Amino acid sequence: AIVAIGITADSFIVYFERLRDELRDGKRLRSAAEHGWERARRTI
């Protein structure tokens, strides 16, 4: 369970960092959330 906490948190971090990357690239928030998920989904 302790190891799984890290795995679960890692999934959120991957998605949130992809979302941030999209925002830094100049996308609007709604578009960044969708594109960020598309990029993060495979990694997760």
All heavy atoms as atom14 arrays in JSON, in Angstrom:
{
  "sequence": "AIVAIGITADSFIVYFERLRDELRDGKRLRSAAEHGWERARRTI",
  "atom14_mask": [
    [1, 1, 1, 1, 1, 0, 0, 0, 0, 0, 0, 0, 0, 0],
    [1, 1, 1, 1, 1, 1, 1, 1, 0, 0, 0, 0, 0, 0],
    [1, 1, 1, 1, 1, 1, 1, 0, 0, 0, 0, 0, 0, 0],
    [1, 1, 1, 1, 1, 0, 0, 0, 0, 0, 0, 0, 0, 0],
    [1, 1, 1, 1, 1, 1, 1, 1, 0, 0, 0, 0, 0, 0],
    [1, 1, 1, 1, 0, 0, 0, 0, 0, 0, 0, 0, 0, 0],
    [1, 1, 1, 1, 1, 1, 1, 1, 0, 0, 0, 0, 0, 0],
    [1, 1, 1, 1, 1, 1, 1, 0, 0, 0, 0, 0, 0, 0],
    [1, 1, 1, 1, 1, 0, 0, 0, 0, 0, 0, 0, 0, 0],
    [1, 1, 1, 1, 1, 1, 1, 1, 0, 0, 0, 0, 0, 0],
    [1, 1, 1, 1, 1, 1, 0, 0, 0, 0, 0, 0, 0, 0],
    [1, 1, 1, 1, 1, 1, 1, 1, 1, 1, 1, 0, 0, 0],
    [1, 1, 1, 1, 1, 1, 1, 1, 0, 0, 0, 0, 0, 0],
    [1, 1, 1, 1, 1, 1, 1, 0, 0, 0, 0, 0, 0, 0],
    [1, 1, 1, 1, 1, 1, 1, 1, 1, 1, 1, 1, 0, 0],
    [1, 1, 1, 1, 1, 1, 1, 1, 1, 1, 1, 0, 0, 0],
    [1, 1, 1, 1, 1, 1, 1, 1, 1, 0, 0, 0, 0, 0],
    [1, 1, 1, 1, 1, 1, 1, 1, 1, 1, 1, 0, 0, 0],
    [1, 1, 1, 1, 1, 1, 1, 1, 0, 0, 0, 0, 0, 0],
    [1, 1, 1, 1, 1, 1, 1, 1, 1, 1, 1, 0, 0, 0],
    [1, 1, 1, 1, 1, 1, 1, 1, 0, 0, 0, 0, 0, 0],
    [1, 1, 1, 1, 1, 1, 1, 1, 1, 0, 0, 0, 0, 0],
    [1, 1, 1, 1, 1, 1, 1, 1, 0, 0, 0, 0, 0, 0],
    [1, 1, 1, 1, 1, 1, 1, 1, 1, 1, 1, 0, 0, 0],
    [1, 1, 1, 1, 1, 1, 1, 1, 0, 0, 0, 0, 0, 0],
    [1, 1, 1, 1, 0, 0, 0, 0, 0, 0, 0, 0, 0, 0],
    [1, 1, 1, 1, 1, 1, 1, 1, 1, 0, 0, 0, 0, 0],
    [1, 1, 1, 1, 1, 1, 1, 1, 1, 1, 1, 0, 0, 0],
    [1, 1, 1, 1, 1, 1, 1, 1, 0, 0, 0, 0, 0, 0],
    [1, 1, 1, 1, 1, 1, 1, 1, 1, 1, 1, 0, 0, 0],
    [1, 1, 1, 1, 1, 1, 0, 0, 0, 0, 0, 0, 0, 0],
    [1, 1, 1, 1, 1, 0, 0, 0, 0, 0, 0, 0, 0, 0],
    [1, 1, 1, 1, 1, 0, 0, 0, 0, 0, 0, 0, 0, 0],
    [1, 1, 1, 1, 1, 1, 1, 1, 1, 0, 0, 0, 0, 0],
    [1, 1, 1, 1, 1, 1, 1, 1, 1, 1, 0, 0, 0, 0],
    [1, 1, 1, 1, 0, 0, 0, 0, 0, 0, 0, 0, 0, 0],
    [1, 1, 1, 1, 1, 1, 1, 1, 1, 1, 1, 1, 1, 1],
    [1, 1, 1, 1, 1, 1, 1, 1, 1, 0, 0, 0, 0, 0],
    [1, 1, 1, 1, 1, 1, 1, 1, 1, 1, 1, 0, 0, 0],
    [1, 1, 1, 1, 1, 0, 0, 0, 0, 0, 0, 0, 0, 0],
    [1, 1, 1, 1, 1, 1, 1, 1, 1, 1, 1, 0, 0, 0],
    [1, 1, 1, 1, 1, 1, 1, 1, 1, 1, 1, 0, 0, 0],
    [1, 1, 1, 1, 1, 1, 1, 0, 0, 0, 0, 0, 0, 0],
    [1, 1, 1, 1, 1, 1, 1, 1, 0, 0, 0, 0, 0, 0]
  ],
  "atom14_positions": [
    [[0.83, -1.21, 0.0], [0.0, 0.0, 0.0], [0.86, 1.25, 0.0], [0.55, 2.23, -0.67], [-0.94, 0.0, 1.2], [0.0, 0.0, 0.0], [0.0, 0.0, 0.0], [0.0, 0.0, 0.0], [0.0, 0.0, 0.0], [0.0, 0.0, 0.0], [0.0, 0.0, 0.0], [0.0, 0.0, 0.0], [0.0, 0.0, 0.0], [0.0, 0.0, 0.0]],
    [[1.95, 1.23, 0.75], [2.85, 2.39, 0.81], [3.49, 2.64, -0.56], [3.56, 3.78, -1.03], [3.91, 2.2, 1.91], [3.23, 2.26, 3.28], [5.02, 3.24, 1.81], [4.11, 1.84, 4.44], [0.0, 0.0, 0.0], [0.0, 0.0, 0.0], [0.0, 0.0, 0.0], [0.0, 0.0, 0.0], [0.0, 0.0, 0.0], [0.0, 0.0, 0.0]],
    [[3.92, 1.57, -1.22], [4.48, 1.71, -2.57], [3.41, 2.24, -3.52], [3.68, 3.1, -4.38], [5.05, 0.37, -3.07], [5.41, 0.44, -4.53], [6.26, -0.03, -2.23], [0.0, 0.0, 0.0], [0.0, 0.0, 0.0], [0.0, 0.0, 0.0], [0.0, 0.0, 0.0], [0.0, 0.0, 0.0], [0.0, 0.0, 0.0], [0.0, 0.0, 0.0]],
    [[2.18, 1.78, -3.35], [1.08, 2.2, -4.23], [0.76, 3.68, -4.09], [0.31, 4.3, -5.05], [-0.15, 1.36, -3.96], [0.0, 0.0, 0.0], [0.0, 0.0, 0.0], [0.0, 0.0, 0.0], [0.0, 0.0, 0.0], [0.0, 0.0, 0.0], [0.0, 0.0, 0.0], [0.0, 0.0, 0.0], [0.0, 0.0, 0.0], [0.0, 0.0, 0.0]],
    [[1.0, 4.26, -2.92], [0.79, 5.7, -2.74], [1.67, 6.46, -3.74], [1.23, 7.39, -4.4], [1.1, 6.15, -1.3], [0.05, 5.59, -0.34], [1.16, 7.68, -1.2], [0.43, 5.77, 1.12], [0.0, 0.0, 0.0], [0.0, 0.0, 0.0], [0.0, 0.0, 0.0], [0.0, 0.0, 0.0], [0.0, 0.0, 0.0], [0.0, 0.0, 0.0]],
    [[2.91, 6.04, -3.85], [3.83, 6.67, -4.8], [3.41, 6.47, -6.24], [3.49, 7.39, -7.06], [0.0, 0.0, 0.0], [0.0, 0.0, 0.0], [0.0, 0.0, 0.0], [0.0, 0.0, 0.0], [0.0, 0.0, 0.0], [0.0, 0.0, 0.0], [0.0, 0.0, 0.0], [0.0, 0.0, 0.0], [0.0, 0.0, 0.0], [0.0, 0.0, 0.0]],
    [[2.92, 5.29, -6.56], [2.47, 5.01, -7.93], [1.28, 5.89, -8.27], [1.19, 6.47, -9.35], [2.12, 3.52, -8.08], [3.39, 2.67, -8.0], [1.38, 3.25, -9.39], [3.13, 1.18, -7.87], [0.0, 0.0, 0.0], [0.0, 0.0, 0.0], [0.0, 0.0, 0.0], [0.0, 0.0, 0.0], [0.0, 0.0, 0.0], [0.0, 0.0, 0.0]],
    [[0.34, 6.0, -7.32], [-0.85, 6.81, -7.55], [-0.49, 8.28, -7.68], [-0.96, 8.97, -8.59], [-1.86, 6.59, -6.4], [-2.17, 5.19, -6.34], [-3.13, 7.37, -6.63], [0.0, 0.0, 0.0], [0.0, 0.0, 0.0], [0.0, 0.0, 0.0], [0.0, 0.0, 0.0], [0.0, 0.0, 0.0], [0.0, 0.0, 0.0], [0.0, 0.0, 0.0]],
    [[0.35, 8.79, -6.78], [0.77, 10.2, -6.85], [1.51, 10.46, -8.16], [1.36, 11.54, -8.75], [1.63, 10.55, -5.66], [0.0, 0.0, 0.0], [0.0, 0.0, 0.0], [0.0, 0.0, 0.0], [0.0, 0.0, 0.0], [0.0, 0.0, 0.0], [0.0, 0.0, 0.0], [0.0, 0.0, 0.0], [0.0, 0.0, 0.0], [0.0, 0.0, 0.0]],
    [[2.28, 9.5, -8.62], [3.02, 9.66, -9.87], [2.07, 9.89, -11.05], [2.35, 10.69, -11.93], [3.88, 8.42, -10.12], [4.73, 8.56, -11.38], [5.47, 9.55, -11.49], [4.62, 7.68, -12.25], [0.0, 0.0, 0.0], [0.0, 0.0, 0.0], [0.0, 0.0, 0.0], [0.0, 0.0, 0.0], [0.0, 0.0, 0.0], [0.0, 0.0, 0.0]],
    [[0.94, 9.21, -11.04], [-0.04, 9.39, -12.13], [-0.54, 10.83, -12.18], [-0.66, 11.41, -13.26], [-1.23, 8.45, -11.93], [-0.82, 7.12, -12.05], [0.0, 0.0, 0.0], [0.0, 0.0, 0.0], [0.0, 0.0, 0.0], [0.0, 0.0, 0.0], [0.0, 0.0, 0.0], [0.0, 0.0, 0.0], [0.0, 0.0, 0.0], [0.0, 0.0, 0.0]],
    [[-0.81, 11.41, -11.02], [-1.29, 12.79, -11.0], [-0.2, 13.75, -11.44], [-0.46, 14.69, -12.19], [-1.76, 13.19, -9.6], [-2.72, 12.21, -8.99], [-2.61, 11.85, -7.67], [-3.73, 11.63, -9.74], [-3.48, 10.95, -7.1], [-4.6, 10.73, -9.19], [-4.49, 10.38, -7.87], [0.0, 0.0, 0.0], [0.0, 0.0, 0.0], [0.0, 0.0, 0.0]],
    [[1.0, 13.51, -10.98], [2.11, 14.39, -11.32], [2.37, 14.37, -12.82], [2.59, 15.41, -13.44], [3.36, 14.02, -10.5], [3.13, 14.39, -9.03], [4.6, 14.71, -11.04], [4.16, 13.85, -8.06], [0.0, 0.0, 0.0], [0.0, 0.0, 0.0], [0.0, 0.0, 0.0], [0.0, 0.0, 0.0], [0.0, 0.0, 0.0], [0.0, 0.0, 0.0]],
    [[2.33, 13.19, -13.42], [2.53, 13.09, -14.88], [1.48, 13.93, -15.61], [1.8, 14.72, -16.5], [2.49, 11.62, -15.35], [2.36, 11.52, -16.85], [3.71, 10.88, -14.87], [0.0, 0.0, 0.0], [0.0, 0.0, 0.0], [0.0, 0.0, 0.0], [0.0, 0.0, 0.0], [0.0, 0.0, 0.0], [0.0, 0.0, 0.0], [0.0, 0.0, 0.0]],
    [[0.21, 13.78, -15.22], [-0.87, 14.53, -15.87], [-0.71, 16.03, -15.64], [-0.8, 16.83, -16.58], [-2.22, 14.03, -15.36], [-3.42, 14.73, -15.97], [-3.39, 15.28, -17.25], [-4.6, 14.82, -15.26], [-4.5, 15.9, -17.8], [-5.72, 15.44, -15.8], [-5.66, 15.98, -17.05], [-6.77, 16.6, -17.59], [0.0, 0.0, 0.0], [0.0, 0.0, 0.0]],
    [[-0.46, 16.42, -14.41], [-0.37, 17.85, -14.11], [0.82, 18.5, -14.79], [0.74, 19.64, -15.25], [-0.3, 18.07, -12.6], [-1.52, 17.61, -11.85], [-1.45, 17.39, -10.5], [-2.73, 17.38, -12.49], [-2.57, 16.96, -9.79], [-3.85, 16.95, -11.81], [-3.77, 16.74, -10.44], [0.0, 0.0, 0.0], [0.0, 0.0, 0.0], [0.0, 0.0, 0.0]],
    [[1.92, 17.8, -14.9], [3.08, 18.36, -15.58], [2.83, 18.46, -17.09], [3.27, 19.42, -17.73], [4.34, 17.56, -15.29], [4.85, 17.74, -13.88], [5.15, 19.19, -13.52], [5.75, 19.92, -14.34], [4.76, 19.61, -12.4], [0.0, 0.0, 0.0], [0.0, 0.0, 0.0], [0.0, 0.0, 0.0], [0.0, 0.0, 0.0], [0.0, 0.0, 0.0]],
    [[2.14, 17.5, -17.66], [1.78, 17.6, -19.08], [0.84, 18.78, -19.31], [0.98, 19.5, -20.29], [1.1, 16.31, -19.57], [1.98, 15.11, -19.54], [3.03, 15.17, -20.6], [3.7, 13.88, -20.68], [4.75, 13.66, -21.4], [5.27, 14.61, -22.13], [5.31, 12.48, -21.41], [0.0, 0.0, 0.0], [0.0, 0.0, 0.0], [0.0, 0.0, 0.0]],
    [[-0.1, 18.97, -18.39], [-1.01, 20.11, -18.48], [-0.23, 21.42, -18.41], [-0.47, 22.34, -19.2], [-2.04, 20.03, -17.34], [-3.17, 21.03, -17.4], [-4.45, 20.37, -16.92], [-2.89, 22.23, -16.55], [0.0, 0.0, 0.0], [0.0, 0.0, 0.0], [0.0, 0.0, 0.0], [0.0, 0.0, 0.0], [0.0, 0.0, 0.0], [0.0, 0.0, 0.0]],
    [[0.72, 21.49, -17.49], [1.56, 22.69, -17.38], [2.35, 22.94, -18.66], [2.49, 24.08, -19.1], [2.53, 22.55, -16.22], [1.9, 22.74, -14.88], [2.92, 22.46, -13.82], [2.71, 23.38, -12.72], [3.52, 23.49, -11.7], [4.62, 22.76, -11.65], [3.27, 24.33, -10.74], [0.0, 0.0, 0.0], [0.0, 0.0, 0.0], [0.0, 0.0, 0.0]],
    [[2.89, 21.86, -19.25], [3.63, 22.01, -20.5], [2.75, 22.6, -21.59], [3.18, 23.48, -22.35], [4.17, 20.65, -20.98], [5.3, 20.12, -20.12], [5.88, 20.91, -19.33], [5.59, 18.91, -20.23], [0.0, 0.0, 0.0], [0.0, 0.0, 0.0], [0.0, 0.0, 0.0], [0.0, 0.0, 0.0], [0.0, 0.0, 0.0], [0.0, 0.0, 0.0]],
    [[1.53, 22.13, -21.67], [0.6, 22.65, -22.68], [0.28, 24.12, -22.43], [0.2, 24.91, -23.37], [-0.7, 21.82, -22.68], [-0.54, 20.37, -23.06], [-0.1, 20.17, -24.49], [-0.52, 20.95, -25.37], [0.66, 19.22, -24.74], [0.0, 0.0, 0.0], [0.0, 0.0, 0.0], [0.0, 0.0, 0.0], [0.0, 0.0, 0.0], [0.0, 0.0, 0.0]],
    [[0.12, 24.49, -21.17], [-0.14, 25.9, -20.84], [1.07, 26.77, -21.17], [0.92, 27.88, -21.68], [-0.51, 26.05, -19.37], [-1.9, 25.55, -18.98], [-2.06, 25.53, -17.47], [-2.98, 26.42, -19.62], [0.0, 0.0, 0.0], [0.0, 0.0, 0.0], [0.0, 0.0, 0.0], [0.0, 0.0, 0.0], [0.0, 0.0, 0.0], [0.0, 0.0, 0.0]],
    [[2.25, 26.27, -20.89], [3.47, 27.02, -21.21], [3.63, 27.2, -22.72], [4.23, 28.16, -23.17], [4.69, 26.31, -20.64], [4.83, 26.49, -19.16], [6.13, 25.88, -18.65], [6.1, 25.8, -17.21], [5.98, 24.67, -16.51], [5.9, 23.52, -17.13], [5.95, 24.71, -15.2], [0.0, 0.0, 0.0], [0.0, 0.0, 0.0], [0.0, 0.0, 0.0]],
    [[3.08, 26.26, -23.48], [3.12, 26.37, -24.94], [2.08, 27.34, -25.48], [1.97, 27.52, -26.69], [2.93, 25.0, -25.6], [4.14, 24.1, -25.41], [5.23, 24.62, -25.07], [4.0, 22.88, -25.61], [0.0, 0.0, 0.0], [0.0, 0.0, 0.0], [0.0, 0.0, 0.0], [0.0, 0.0, 0.0], [0.0, 0.0, 0.0], [0.0, 0.0, 0.0]],
    [[1.29, 27.93, -24.58], [0.35, 28.96, -24.98], [-1.08, 28.51, -25.21], [-1.91, 29.29, -25.64], [0.0, 0.0, 0.0], [0.0, 0.0, 0.0], [0.0, 0.0, 0.0], [0.0, 0.0, 0.0], [0.0, 0.0, 0.0], [0.0, 0.0, 0.0], [0.0, 0.0, 0.0], [0.0, 0.0, 0.0], [0.0, 0.0, 0.0], [0.0, 0.0, 0.0]],
    [[-1.39, 27.25, -24.89], [-2.77, 26.79, -25.07], [-3.66, 27.32, -23.95], [-3.2, 27.6, -22.85], [-2.81, 25.26, -25.08], [-2.19, 24.68, -26.31], [-2.45, 23.21, -26.42], [-1.93, 22.73, -27.75], [-1.16, 21.54, -27.67], [0.0, 0.0, 0.0], [0.0, 0.0, 0.0], [0.0, 0.0, 0.0], [0.0, 0.0, 0.0], [0.0, 0.0, 0.0]],
    [[-4.93, 27.43, -24.25], [-5.91, 27.82, -23.24], [-6.12, 26.63, -22.31], [-5.85, 25.48, -22.66], [-7.22, 28.23, -23.9], [-6.98, 29.31, -24.94], [-7.88, 30.48, -25.05], [-8.9, 30.74, -24.09], [-8.81, 31.7, -23.17], [-7.72, 32.42, -23.08], [-9.81, 31.93, -22.36], [0.0, 0.0, 0.0], [0.0, 0.0, 0.0], [0.0, 0.0, 0.0]],
    [[-6.63, 26.91, -21.12], [-6.73, 25.9, -20.08], [-7.55, 24.68, -20.5], [-7.13, 23.55, -20.29], [-7.32, 26.52, -18.8], [-7.44, 25.58, -17.61], [-6.09, 24.99, -17.23], [-8.05, 26.32, -16.43], [0.0, 0.0, 0.0], [0.0, 0.0, 0.0], [0.0, 0.0, 0.0], [0.0, 0.0, 0.0], [0.0, 0.0, 0.0], [0.0, 0.0, 0.0]],
    [[-8.69, 24.89, -21.09], [-9.54, 23.77, -21.49], [-8.82, 22.88, -22.5], [-8.82, 21.66, -22.39], [-10.85, 24.28, -22.06], [-11.92, 23.22, -22.12], [-13.22, 23.75, -22.63], [-13.72, 24.84, -21.79], [-14.82, 25.51, -22.02], [-15.54, 25.23, -23.08], [-15.21, 26.47, -21.23], [0.0, 0.0, 0.0], [0.0, 0.0, 0.0], [0.0, 0.0, 0.0]],
    [[-8.2, 23.49, -23.49], [-7.46, 22.75, -24.5], [-6.23, 22.07, -23.88], [-5.91, 20.93, -24.21], [-7.04, 23.69, -25.62], [-6.23, 23.03, -26.54], [0.0, 0.0, 0.0], [0.0, 0.0, 0.0], [0.0, 0.0, 0.0], [0.0, 0.0, 0.0], [0.0, 0.0, 0.0], [0.0, 0.0, 0.0], [0.0, 0.0, 0.0], [0.0, 0.0, 0.0]],
    [[-5.56, 22.77, -22.98], [-4.37, 22.22, -22.32], [-4.73, 21.0, -21.48], [-3.98, 20.01, -21.45], [-3.7, 23.28, -21.45], [0.0, 0.0, 0.0], [0.0, 0.0, 0.0], [0.0, 0.0, 0.0], [0.0, 0.0, 0.0], [0.0, 0.0, 0.0], [0.0, 0.0, 0.0], [0.0, 0.0, 0.0], [0.0, 0.0, 0.0], [0.0, 0.0, 0.0]],
    [[-5.88, 21.04, -20.81], [-6.3, 19.9, -19.99], [-6.56, 18.68, -20.86], [-6.17, 17.56, -20.5], [-7.55, 20.27, -19.19], [0.0, 0.0, 0.0], [0.0, 0.0, 0.0], [0.0, 0.0, 0.0], [0.0, 0.0, 0.0], [0.0, 0.0, 0.0], [0.0, 0.0, 0.0], [0.0, 0.0, 0.0], [0.0, 0.0, 0.0], [0.0, 0.0, 0.0]],
    [[-7.18, 18.88, -21.99], [-7.47, 17.76, -22.89], [-6.19, 17.22, -23.55], [-5.96, 16.01, -23.55], [-8.47, 18.18, -23.97], [-8.97, 17.04, -24.82], [-9.71, 15.99, -24.03], [-10.52, 16.34, -23.14], [-9.47, 14.78, -24.28], [0.0, 0.0, 0.0], [0.0, 0.0, 0.0], [0.0, 0.0, 0.0], [0.0, 0.0, 0.0], [0.0, 0.0, 0.0]],
    [[-5.38, 18.11, -24.11], [-4.13, 17.66, -24.75], [-3.15, 17.09, -23.73], [-2.43, 16.14, -24.03], [-3.49, 18.82, -25.52], [-4.19, 19.15, -26.78], [-5.13, 20.14, -26.87], [-4.12, 18.58, -28.02], [-5.61, 20.18, -28.1], [-5.01, 19.25, -28.82], [0.0, 0.0, 0.0], [0.0, 0.0, 0.0], [0.0, 0.0, 0.0], [0.0, 0.0, 0.0]],
    [[-3.11, 17.69, -22.55], [-2.25, 17.17, -21.49], [-2.63, 15.75, -21.11], [-1.76, 14.89, -20.89], [0.0, 0.0, 0.0], [0.0, 0.0, 0.0], [0.0, 0.0, 0.0], [0.0, 0.0, 0.0], [0.0, 0.0, 0.0], [0.0, 0.0, 0.0], [0.0, 0.0, 0.0], [0.0, 0.0, 0.0], [0.0, 0.0, 0.0], [0.0, 0.0, 0.0]],
    [[-3.94, 15.49, -21.04], [-4.39, 14.13, -20.73], [-4.01, 13.16, -21.85], [-3.56, 12.04, -21.57], [-5.9, 14.08, -20.51], [-6.38, 12.68, -20.33], [-7.06, 11.93, -21.23], [-6.15, 11.84, -19.19], [-7.3, 10.68, -20.72], [-6.74, 10.59, -19.48], [-5.51, 12.02, -17.98], [-6.71, 9.53, -18.58], [-5.48, 10.96, -17.08], [-6.08, 9.74, -17.39]],
    [[-4.17, 13.59, -23.09], [-3.8, 12.71, -24.21], [-2.34, 12.31, -24.14], [-1.99, 11.16, -24.41], [-4.11, 13.39, -25.55], [-5.58, 13.6, -25.82], [-6.37, 12.31, -25.84], [-5.87, 11.3, -26.39], [-7.48, 12.3, -25.29], [0.0, 0.0, 0.0], [0.0, 0.0, 0.0], [0.0, 0.0, 0.0], [0.0, 0.0, 0.0], [0.0, 0.0, 0.0]],
    [[-1.48, 13.26, -23.78], [-0.05, 12.97, -23.69], [0.28, 12.16, -22.44], [1.16, 11.3, -22.47], [0.74, 14.27, -23.69], [0.68, 14.97, -25.05], [1.41, 16.28, -25.05], [2.82, 16.11, -24.71], [3.58, 17.08, -24.24], [3.08, 18.3, -24.06], [4.85, 16.87, -23.97], [0.0, 0.0, 0.0], [0.0, 0.0, 0.0], [0.0, 0.0, 0.0]],
    [[-0.4, 12.42, -21.33], [-0.11, 11.75, -20.06], [-0.7, 10.35, -19.99], [-0.15, 9.47, -19.32], [-0.63, 12.59, -18.9], [0.0, 0.0, 0.0], [0.0, 0.0, 0.0], [0.0, 0.0, 0.0], [0.0, 0.0, 0.0], [0.0, 0.0, 0.0], [0.0, 0.0, 0.0], [0.0, 0.0, 0.0], [0.0, 0.0, 0.0], [0.0, 0.0, 0.0]],
    [[-1.8, 10.14, -20.67], [-2.52, 8.86, -20.58], [-1.63, 7.67, -20.91], [-1.62, 6.66, -20.19], [-3.73, 8.89, -21.51], [-4.56, 7.63, -21.45], [-5.71, 7.67, -22.4], [-5.21, 7.85, -23.75], [-5.92, 8.3, -24.75], [-7.17, 8.63, -24.57], [-5.39, 8.42, -25.95], [0.0, 0.0, 0.0], [0.0, 0.0, 0.0], [0.0, 0.0, 0.0]],
    [[-0.86, 7.77, -21.98], [0.01, 6.66, -22.36], [1.07, 6.38, -21.3], [1.38, 5.23, -21.0], [0.67, 6.94, -23.7], [-0.31, 6.83, -24.86], [0.34, 7.27, -26.13], [0.37, 8.74, -26.04], [0.77, 9.54, -26.97], [1.24, 9.05, -28.08], [0.72, 10.83, -26.83], [0.0, 0.0, 0.0], [0.0, 0.0, 0.0], [0.0, 0.0, 0.0]],
    [[1.63, 7.45, -20.73], [2.65, 7.28, -19.7], [2.05, 6.65, -18.45], [2.65, 5.75, -17.86], [3.28, 8.65, -19.36], [3.78, 9.24, -20.55], [4.4, 8.5, -18.35], [0.0, 0.0, 0.0], [0.0, 0.0, 0.0], [0.0, 0.0, 0.0], [0.0, 0.0, 0.0], [0.0, 0.0, 0.0], [0.0, 0.0, 0.0], [0.0, 0.0, 0.0]],
    [[0.89, 7.13, -18.04], [0.22, 6.58, -16.86], [-0.11, 5.11, -17.08], [0.15, 4.26, -16.22], [-1.05, 7.39, -16.53], [-0.68, 8.8, -16.06], [-1.91, 6.68, -15.49], [-1.85, 9.76, -15.99], [0.0, 0.0, 0.0], [0.0, 0.0, 0.0], [0.0, 0.0, 0.0], [0.0, 0.0, 0.0], [0.0, 0.0, 0.0], [0.0, 0.0, 0.0]]
  ]
}
